[in-house]
Amino acid sequence: MGLMKRLDERAGLMGRMMRTVGATDAMPQDITLEATLRSAIHRCMGCDRPRDCAGWLDAHEDGAERTPGYCRNGELFARWTGQD
């Protein structure tokens, strides 16, 4: 898979995950947000389970309290939503 296609795929998965667990609305609007999101994108890009992620997201279209255990951004999103 080409880099641009992979970036597009992972951005879509990460956005869906954030919306599914409520992290989008809970993101801290502070000076560190850009750096934090950049790190989250790198973690997502390094994940070897995008198919599992897409399947999990399809099964949780109505939302979920937490990410699946294998999500590399699970701790970050849980912290943002007060689930940590």
N, C-alpha and C. Protein backbone atom coordinates (compact mmCIF):
# COMPACT_ATOMS: atom_id res chain seq x y z
N MET A 1 0.86 -1.18 0.00
CA MET A 1 0.00 0.00 0.00
C MET A 1 0.90 1.23 0.00
N GLY A 2 0.59 2.18 -0.83
CA GLY A 2 1.37 3.40 -0.90
C GLY A 2 1.19 4.26 0.35
N LEU A 3 2.16 5.10 0.58
CA LEU A 3 2.15 5.93 1.78
C LEU A 3 0.92 6.82 1.86
N MET A 4 0.55 7.46 0.78
CA MET A 4 -0.59 8.37 0.82
C MET A 4 -1.89 7.62 1.08
N LYS A 5 -2.03 6.45 0.49
CA LYS A 5 -3.23 5.65 0.73
C LYS A 5 -3.28 5.20 2.19
N ARG A 6 -2.12 4.81 2.72
CA ARG A 6 -2.05 4.38 4.12
C ARG A 6 -2.37 5.55 5.06
N LEU A 7 -1.82 6.73 4.77
CA LEU A 7 -2.13 7.91 5.58
C LEU A 7 -3.63 8.20 5.58
N ASP A 8 -4.24 8.12 4.42
CA ASP A 8 -5.68 8.37 4.30
C ASP A 8 -6.48 7.34 5.09
N GLU A 9 -6.09 6.07 4.96
CA GLU A 9 -6.78 5.00 5.68
C GLU A 9 -6.69 5.20 7.19
N ARG A 10 -5.48 5.44 7.68
CA ARG A 10 -5.28 5.58 9.12
C ARG A 10 -5.93 6.84 9.67
N ALA A 11 -5.91 7.92 8.91
CA ALA A 11 -6.58 9.14 9.36
C ALA A 11 -8.08 8.87 9.52
N GLY A 12 -8.64 8.13 8.57
CA GLY A 12 -10.05 7.79 8.67
C GLY A 12 -10.35 6.92 9.87
N LEU A 13 -9.51 5.91 10.11
CA LEU A 13 -9.72 5.03 11.27
C LEU A 13 -9.57 5.80 12.58
N MET A 14 -8.54 6.62 12.67
CA MET A 14 -8.32 7.37 13.90
C MET A 14 -9.48 8.34 14.16
N GLY A 15 -9.94 9.02 13.13
CA GLY A 15 -11.08 9.92 13.29
C GLY A 15 -12.32 9.18 13.74
N ARG A 16 -12.58 8.03 13.13
CA ARG A 16 -13.74 7.23 13.54
C ARG A 16 -13.61 6.77 14.98
N MET A 17 -12.40 6.33 15.36
CA MET A 17 -12.18 5.85 16.73
C MET A 17 -12.43 6.98 17.72
N MET A 18 -11.90 8.15 17.41
CA MET A 18 -12.09 9.29 18.31
C MET A 18 -13.57 9.63 18.47
N ARG A 19 -14.31 9.62 17.37
CA ARG A 19 -15.75 9.91 17.46
C ARG A 19 -16.49 8.81 18.21
N THR A 20 -16.11 7.56 17.98
CA THR A 20 -16.79 6.42 18.59
C THR A 20 -16.68 6.44 20.10
N VAL A 21 -15.51 6.83 20.62
CA VAL A 21 -15.32 6.82 22.08
C VAL A 21 -15.51 8.20 22.71
N GLY A 22 -15.89 9.19 21.92
CA GLY A 22 -16.15 10.52 22.45
C GLY A 22 -14.92 11.38 22.67
N ALA A 23 -13.79 10.97 22.11
CA ALA A 23 -12.55 11.73 22.32
C ALA A 23 -12.51 13.02 21.51
N THR A 24 -13.22 13.07 20.41
CA THR A 24 -13.20 14.27 19.58
C THR A 24 -13.72 15.47 20.36
N ASP A 25 -14.82 15.29 21.05
CA ASP A 25 -15.41 16.39 21.82
C ASP A 25 -14.65 16.68 23.11
N ALA A 26 -13.81 15.73 23.53
CA ALA A 26 -13.09 15.89 24.80
C ALA A 26 -11.64 16.34 24.64
N MET A 27 -11.19 16.57 23.41
CA MET A 27 -9.80 16.97 23.20
C MET A 27 -9.51 18.26 23.94
N PRO A 28 -8.41 18.31 24.67
CA PRO A 28 -8.05 19.55 25.35
C PRO A 28 -7.64 20.60 24.33
N GLN A 29 -8.15 21.76 24.45
CA GLN A 29 -7.83 22.84 23.51
C GLN A 29 -6.71 23.69 24.11
N ASP A 30 -5.53 23.09 24.15
CA ASP A 30 -4.40 23.82 24.72
C ASP A 30 -3.23 23.79 23.75
N ILE A 31 -2.16 24.38 24.16
CA ILE A 31 -1.00 24.54 23.29
C ILE A 31 -0.34 23.21 22.91
N THR A 32 -0.58 22.16 23.66
CA THR A 32 0.05 20.88 23.38
C THR A 32 -0.76 20.00 22.42
N LEU A 33 -1.95 20.42 22.05
CA LEU A 33 -2.83 19.57 21.24
C LEU A 33 -2.18 19.16 19.92
N GLU A 34 -1.57 20.07 19.21
CA GLU A 34 -0.98 19.73 17.91
C GLU A 34 0.09 18.65 18.05
N ALA A 35 0.97 18.80 19.01
CA ALA A 35 2.03 17.80 19.22
C ALA A 35 1.45 16.47 19.67
N THR A 36 0.43 16.52 20.50
CA THR A 36 -0.21 15.30 20.98
C THR A 36 -0.88 14.56 19.83
N LEU A 37 -1.58 15.29 18.96
CA LEU A 37 -2.21 14.66 17.80
C LEU A 37 -1.18 14.10 16.84
N ARG A 38 -0.08 14.79 16.66
CA ARG A 38 0.99 14.30 15.79
C ARG A 38 1.51 12.96 16.32
N SER A 39 1.71 12.86 17.62
CA SER A 39 2.17 11.60 18.21
C SER A 39 1.12 10.51 18.05
N ALA A 40 -0.13 10.87 18.21
CA ALA A 40 -1.22 9.89 18.05
C ALA A 40 -1.26 9.36 16.62
N ILE A 41 -1.06 10.23 15.66
CA ILE A 41 -1.04 9.82 14.25
C ILE A 41 0.10 8.85 14.01
N HIS A 42 1.27 9.13 14.57
CA HIS A 42 2.41 8.22 14.41
C HIS A 42 2.12 6.86 15.02
N ARG A 43 1.48 6.84 16.19
CA ARG A 43 1.13 5.55 16.80
C ARG A 43 0.16 4.79 15.92
N CYS A 44 -0.82 5.47 15.39
CA CYS A 44 -1.81 4.83 14.53
C CYS A 44 -1.15 4.31 13.25
N MET A 45 -0.26 5.08 12.67
CA MET A 45 0.44 4.65 11.46
C MET A 45 1.26 3.39 11.69
N GLY A 46 1.75 3.20 12.91
CA GLY A 46 2.57 2.04 13.22
C GLY A 46 1.78 0.80 13.61
N CYS A 47 0.47 0.92 13.69
CA CYS A 47 -0.37 -0.21 14.10
C CYS A 47 -0.43 -1.26 13.00
N ASP A 48 -0.38 -2.52 13.40
CA ASP A 48 -0.46 -3.60 12.43
C ASP A 48 -1.83 -4.27 12.41
N ARG A 49 -2.86 -3.58 12.98
CA ARG A 49 -4.19 -4.19 13.05
C ARG A 49 -5.29 -3.29 12.46
N PRO A 50 -5.06 -2.64 11.33
CA PRO A 50 -6.09 -1.76 10.80
C PRO A 50 -7.38 -2.49 10.42
N ARG A 51 -7.29 -3.73 9.98
CA ARG A 51 -8.51 -4.48 9.65
C ARG A 51 -9.31 -4.79 10.90
N ASP A 52 -8.62 -5.16 11.97
CA ASP A 52 -9.32 -5.39 13.24
C ASP A 52 -9.99 -4.11 13.70
N CYS A 53 -9.28 -3.00 13.56
CA CYS A 53 -9.80 -1.70 13.97
C CYS A 53 -11.07 -1.36 13.18
N ALA A 54 -11.01 -1.52 11.86
CA ALA A 54 -12.17 -1.21 11.02
C ALA A 54 -13.35 -2.10 11.40
N GLY A 55 -13.10 -3.37 11.66
CA GLY A 55 -14.17 -4.28 12.08
C GLY A 55 -14.76 -3.89 13.42
N TRP A 56 -13.90 -3.52 14.35
CA TRP A 56 -14.38 -3.10 15.67
C TRP A 56 -15.23 -1.84 15.53
N LEU A 57 -14.78 -0.90 14.73
CA LEU A 57 -15.53 0.34 14.53
C LEU A 57 -16.88 0.06 13.88
N ASP A 58 -16.92 -0.84 12.92
CA ASP A 58 -18.19 -1.21 12.29
C ASP A 58 -19.16 -1.81 13.30
N ALA A 59 -18.61 -2.58 14.25
CA ALA A 59 -19.45 -3.22 15.27
C ALA A 59 -19.88 -2.26 16.38
N HIS A 60 -19.28 -1.09 16.44
CA HIS A 60 -19.58 -0.11 17.49
C HIS A 60 -20.04 1.22 16.91
N GLU A 61 -20.82 1.16 15.86
CA GLU A 61 -21.28 2.39 15.20
C GLU A 61 -22.08 3.30 16.12
N ASP A 62 -22.68 2.73 17.17
CA ASP A 62 -23.47 3.52 18.11
C ASP A 62 -22.64 4.08 19.26
N GLY A 63 -21.34 3.84 19.22
CA GLY A 63 -20.45 4.36 20.25
C GLY A 63 -19.95 3.30 21.19
N ALA A 64 -18.94 3.66 21.96
CA ALA A 64 -18.33 2.76 22.94
C ALA A 64 -17.67 3.62 24.01
N GLU A 65 -17.49 3.05 25.18
CA GLU A 65 -16.83 3.79 26.26
C GLU A 65 -15.33 3.82 26.09
N ARG A 66 -14.76 2.75 25.55
CA ARG A 66 -13.30 2.62 25.43
C ARG A 66 -12.93 2.05 24.08
N THR A 67 -11.69 2.26 23.71
CA THR A 67 -11.14 1.65 22.50
C THR A 67 -10.90 0.17 22.77
N PRO A 68 -10.67 -0.62 21.73
CA PRO A 68 -10.26 -2.01 21.96
C PRO A 68 -8.87 -2.03 22.60
N GLY A 69 -8.55 -3.08 23.29
CA GLY A 69 -7.30 -3.18 24.03
C GLY A 69 -6.05 -2.99 23.19
N TYR A 70 -6.11 -3.32 21.92
CA TYR A 70 -4.93 -3.21 21.06
C TYR A 70 -4.71 -1.81 20.51
N CYS A 71 -5.62 -0.88 20.74
CA CYS A 71 -5.49 0.47 20.19
C CYS A 71 -4.31 1.19 20.85
N ARG A 72 -3.39 1.64 20.03
CA ARG A 72 -2.20 2.32 20.53
C ARG A 72 -2.51 3.71 21.10
N ASN A 73 -3.69 4.22 20.82
CA ASN A 73 -4.09 5.52 21.35
C ASN A 73 -5.15 5.39 22.44
N GLY A 74 -5.40 4.20 22.88
CA GLY A 74 -6.43 3.96 23.88
C GLY A 74 -6.23 4.75 25.16
N GLU A 75 -5.01 4.77 25.67
CA GLU A 75 -4.74 5.50 26.91
C GLU A 75 -4.95 7.00 26.73
N LEU A 76 -4.52 7.53 25.61
CA LEU A 76 -4.70 8.95 25.34
C LEU A 76 -6.18 9.30 25.28
N PHE A 77 -6.94 8.54 24.51
CA PHE A 77 -8.37 8.83 24.36
C PHE A 77 -9.11 8.65 25.69
N ALA A 78 -8.70 7.65 26.46
CA ALA A 78 -9.31 7.43 27.78
C ALA A 78 -9.02 8.60 28.70
N ARG A 79 -7.82 9.12 28.65
CA ARG A 79 -7.46 10.28 29.47
C ARG A 79 -8.31 11.48 29.09
N TRP A 80 -8.46 11.71 27.79
CA TRP A 80 -9.26 12.83 27.33
C TRP A 80 -10.71 12.73 27.76
N THR A 81 -11.24 11.51 27.79
CA THR A 81 -12.67 11.33 28.11
C THR A 81 -12.91 11.04 29.59
N GLY A 82 -11.84 11.07 30.39
CA GLY A 82 -11.99 10.83 31.82
C GLY A 82 -12.19 9.37 32.18
N GLN A 83 -11.82 8.47 31.29
CA GLN A 83 -11.98 7.03 31.53
C GLN A 83 -10.73 6.39 32.12
N ASP A 84 -9.67 7.16 32.33
CA ASP A 84 -8.42 6.56 32.84
C ASP A 84 -8.43 6.36 34.31
